[in-house]
Protein backbone atom coordinates (compact mmCIF):
# COMPACT_ATOMS: atom_id res chain seq x y z
CA MET A 1 25.38 -20.41 30.50
CA ARG A 2 25.98 -20.66 26.76
CA ILE A 3 22.73 -22.55 26.26
CA ARG A 4 20.79 -19.79 28.03
CA ARG A 5 22.24 -17.14 25.71
CA ILE A 6 21.38 -19.18 22.63
CA LEU A 7 17.87 -19.81 23.91
CA ALA A 8 17.38 -16.11 24.74
CA THR A 9 18.60 -15.13 21.28
CA ALA A 10 16.23 -17.59 19.62
CA ILE A 11 13.26 -16.32 21.65
CA ALA A 12 14.13 -12.68 20.92
CA THR A 13 14.46 -13.42 17.20
CA ALA A 14 11.12 -15.20 17.13
CA ALA A 15 9.46 -12.33 18.98
CA LEU A 16 10.85 -9.74 16.57
CA ALA A 17 9.84 -11.84 13.57
CA GLY A 18 6.33 -12.10 14.98
CA LEU A 19 6.07 -8.33 15.34
CA GLY A 20 7.17 -7.89 11.76
CA LEU A 21 4.55 -10.32 10.49
CA THR A 22 1.71 -8.68 12.41
CA GLY A 23 2.73 -5.27 11.11
CA ALA A 24 2.76 -6.56 7.55
CA ALA A 25 -0.65 -8.20 8.00
CA THR A 26 -2.11 -4.97 9.36
CA ALA A 27 -0.73 -2.96 6.47
CA ALA A 28 -2.10 -5.45 3.93
CA ALA A 29 -5.53 -5.55 5.57
CA SER A 30 -6.20 -1.80 5.39
CA PRO A 31 -7.68 -1.00 1.97
CA ALA A 32 -6.44 2.01 0.08
CA ALA A 33 -8.75 4.34 -1.82
CA SER A 34 -9.44 3.00 -5.26
CA PRO A 35 -8.01 5.19 -8.02
CA ALA A 36 -11.11 4.42 -10.12
CA GLU A 37 -13.37 6.34 -7.72
CA SER A 38 -13.99 9.98 -8.55
CA PRO A 39 -13.48 12.39 -5.66
CA THR A 40 -16.16 14.87 -4.67
CA PRO A 41 -15.35 18.59 -4.89
CA GLY A 42 -14.94 18.63 -1.10
CA GLU A 43 -12.51 15.70 -1.18
CA CYS A 44 -10.51 17.42 -3.91
CA GLU A 45 -10.18 20.57 -1.80
CA LYS A 46 -9.43 18.63 1.40
CA GLY A 47 -6.68 16.84 -0.49
CA GLY A 48 -5.05 20.17 -1.27
CA GLY A 49 -6.37 20.66 -4.78
CA THR A 50 -8.80 22.94 -6.55
CA VAL A 51 -11.64 21.99 -8.87
CA ASP A 52 -11.30 23.07 -12.50
CA TRP A 53 -14.99 23.38 -13.41
CA ALA A 54 -14.25 23.86 -17.12
CA THR A 55 -12.82 20.34 -17.39
CA ASN A 56 -14.29 18.76 -14.20
CA LEU A 57 -10.80 17.81 -13.05
CA CYS A 58 -9.11 18.16 -9.68
CA ARG A 59 -5.92 20.19 -10.07
CA GLY A 60 -3.11 19.63 -7.56
CA GLY A 61 -3.12 17.76 -4.28
CA THR A 62 -3.91 14.13 -3.66
CA TYR A 63 -6.44 13.73 -6.50
CA ASP A 64 -4.53 15.64 -9.19
CA GLY A 65 -5.89 14.90 -12.66
CA GLN A 66 -8.90 12.86 -11.52
CA MET A 67 -12.43 13.57 -12.67
CA VAL A 68 -14.63 15.23 -10.02
CA ASP A 69 -18.16 13.94 -9.36
């Protein structure tokens, strides 16, 4: 009986460790937007910002302070 519990614990631990590794691999495989890319005016507004046409910068939102194409 004790051996069964130890074996079940080992299998459960291995299964949980496997789920953690696949989640980490998925997160690492999805590329994030490069900060070097300039957003378009539409992307700036979709990100919650407004375009400052005097300086060509996105103000507020996701792309705050980035140059607009």
